[in-house]
Amino acid sequence: MSPSALPDPLGWTELLRVFGGLVAVIVVFVVALWLLKRLQPGLRTPHGPLRVLATLNLAPRERLLLVQVGEQQLLLGSSAQGLACLHVLATPIAQEPTTTGQGMGAALPASFPDWLRRAMEQRGKARP
């Protein structure tokens, strides 16, 4: 094969081919992420009889969970060894809407955009 028969590596057709391949890979990646988000049941908010109402992290692998099963509420302990039912509440705790607070004790928003909006508002208040 002669050197003149090889395609020019810096020609428009080669650049368009490489760019098209890059766009195709990005599209496949975005579609795969969208499918993972839609098909994973753990990421959706539950509308059934079982819901986690609140969590409190005690240590890196230990936490308390307040879980509602139908009309009954349970306090569960989660650790590296597993789950344990610590208490069955006789009267359910009323769920209050979360309020925007300051510091670490503030309730966390339900989604990342809410958290980001709240963080930007707090950052704006901190500047003189």
Protein backbone atom coordinates (compact mmCIF):
# COMPACT_ATOMS: atom_id res chain seq x y z
CA MET A 1 0.00 0.00 0.00
CA SER A 2 1.36 3.38 -0.91
CA PRO A 3 1.52 6.26 1.61
CA SER A 4 -0.89 8.30 -0.53
CA ALA A 5 -3.64 5.63 -0.15
CA LEU A 6 -3.82 5.99 3.66
CA PRO A 7 -6.50 8.35 5.02
CA ASP A 8 -5.32 11.65 6.44
CA PRO A 9 -5.52 11.33 10.27
CA LEU A 10 -6.23 15.05 10.60
CA GLY A 11 -8.85 15.19 7.85
CA TRP A 12 -12.44 16.29 8.46
CA THR A 13 -13.87 12.86 7.83
CA GLU A 14 -11.63 11.25 10.48
CA LEU A 15 -12.38 14.00 13.02
CA LEU A 16 -16.13 13.65 12.40
CA ARG A 17 -15.87 9.88 12.80
CA VAL A 18 -14.06 10.21 16.14
CA PHE A 19 -16.49 12.89 17.34
CA GLY A 20 -19.46 10.74 16.30
CA GLY A 21 -18.06 7.79 18.24
CA LEU A 22 -17.63 9.98 21.31
CA VAL A 23 -21.22 11.22 21.08
CA ALA A 24 -22.46 7.64 20.68
CA VAL A 25 -20.57 6.51 23.81
CA ILE A 26 -21.97 9.43 25.84
CA VAL A 27 -25.52 8.69 24.65
CA VAL A 28 -25.18 5.01 25.60
CA PHE A 29 -23.84 6.03 29.03
CA VAL A 30 -26.73 8.45 29.68
CA VAL A 31 -29.32 5.87 28.57
CA ALA A 32 -27.73 3.22 30.83
CA LEU A 33 -27.84 5.58 33.83
CA TRP A 34 -31.47 6.45 33.11
CA LEU A 35 -32.40 2.76 32.89
CA LEU A 36 -30.59 1.97 36.15
CA LYS A 37 -32.44 4.78 37.89
CA ARG A 38 -35.82 3.64 36.56
CA LEU A 39 -35.33 -0.07 37.24
CA GLN A 40 -33.85 0.06 40.76
CA PRO A 41 -36.72 -0.23 43.25
CA GLY A 42 -34.63 1.00 46.18
CA LEU A 43 -34.23 4.49 44.74
CA ARG A 44 -37.92 5.20 44.40
CA THR A 45 -39.94 6.58 47.27
CA PRO A 46 -42.09 3.84 48.74
CA HIS A 47 -45.86 4.26 48.62
CA GLY A 48 -46.67 0.92 50.18
CA PRO A 49 -47.27 -0.09 53.78
CA LEU A 50 -43.55 -0.11 54.72
CA ARG A 51 -41.68 3.22 55.07
CA VAL A 52 -38.54 4.46 56.81
CA LEU A 53 -39.65 7.61 58.62
CA ALA A 54 -36.33 8.70 60.14
CA THR A 55 -32.74 7.57 60.56
CA LEU A 56 -30.10 8.57 63.08
CA ASN A 57 -26.46 7.63 62.44
CA LEU A 58 -24.72 6.64 65.66
CA ALA A 59 -21.40 5.39 64.25
CA PRO A 60 -20.06 4.60 60.78
CA ARG A 61 -21.90 1.26 60.62
CA GLU A 62 -24.56 1.74 63.31
CA ARG A 63 -27.84 3.62 63.12
CA LEU A 64 -31.35 3.85 64.49
CA LEU A 65 -34.31 3.56 62.14
CA LEU A 66 -37.90 4.57 62.76
CA VAL A 67 -39.97 2.35 60.45
CA GLN A 68 -43.71 2.43 59.85
CA VAL A 69 -45.42 -0.83 58.95
CA GLY A 70 -49.05 -0.10 58.22
CA GLU A 71 -50.26 1.80 61.30
CA GLN A 72 -47.51 0.50 63.62
CA GLN A 73 -44.13 2.15 64.17
CA LEU A 74 -40.96 0.25 65.11
CA LEU A 75 -37.60 1.47 66.37
CA LEU A 76 -34.89 -0.68 64.78
CA GLY A 77 -31.17 -0.82 65.42
CA SER A 78 -28.91 -1.48 62.46
CA SER A 79 -25.29 -2.59 62.91
CA ALA A 80 -22.68 -4.70 61.19
CA GLN A 81 -24.22 -7.77 62.86
CA GLY A 82 -27.69 -7.10 61.43
CA LEU A 83 -31.04 -5.56 62.41
CA ALA A 84 -32.72 -5.72 65.80
CA CYS A 85 -36.16 -4.51 66.87
CA LEU A 86 -35.48 -2.27 69.86
CA HIS A 87 -39.00 -1.04 70.60
CA VAL A 88 -42.55 -1.14 69.26
CA LEU A 89 -44.14 2.27 69.78
CA ALA A 90 -47.55 2.13 71.50
CA THR A 91 -48.59 5.50 70.03
CA PRO A 92 -47.22 6.47 66.61
CA ILE A 93 -45.06 9.57 66.40
CA ALA A 94 -46.78 12.25 64.31
CA GLN A 95 -44.76 13.23 61.27
CA GLU A 96 -44.14 16.96 61.07
CA PRO A 97 -43.00 18.65 57.87
CA THR A 98 -39.26 19.28 57.87
CA THR A 99 -38.22 22.84 58.51
CA THR A 100 -35.14 24.59 57.24
CA GLY A 101 -32.70 24.94 60.10
CA GLN A 102 -29.10 25.82 60.73
CA GLY A 103 -26.15 23.55 61.40
CA MET A 104 -25.84 19.81 61.68
CA GLY A 105 -29.13 19.36 63.54
CA ALA A 106 -31.17 20.65 60.61
CA ALA A 107 -33.41 18.18 58.80
CA LEU A 108 -31.98 16.96 55.50
CA PRO A 109 -33.97 17.70 52.33
CA ALA A 110 -35.47 14.83 50.39
CA SER A 111 -33.42 15.38 47.23
CA PHE A 112 -30.07 16.76 46.13
CA PRO A 113 -31.54 19.84 44.35
CA ASP A 114 -33.33 20.81 47.59
CA TRP A 115 -30.11 20.34 49.56
CA LEU A 116 -28.12 22.40 47.05
CA ARG A 117 -30.71 25.21 47.06
CA ARG A 118 -30.66 25.30 50.88
CA ALA A 119 -26.85 25.28 50.98
CA MET A 120 -26.69 28.19 48.54
CA GLU A 121 -29.24 30.16 50.60
CA GLN A 122 -27.23 29.58 53.79
CA ARG A 123 -24.03 30.58 52.02
CA GLY A 124 -25.67 33.81 50.83
CA LYS A 125 -26.81 34.63 54.39
CA ALA A 126 -23.30 34.10 55.78
CA ARG A 127 -21.72 36.76 53.58
CA PRO A 128 -21.97 40.39 54.76
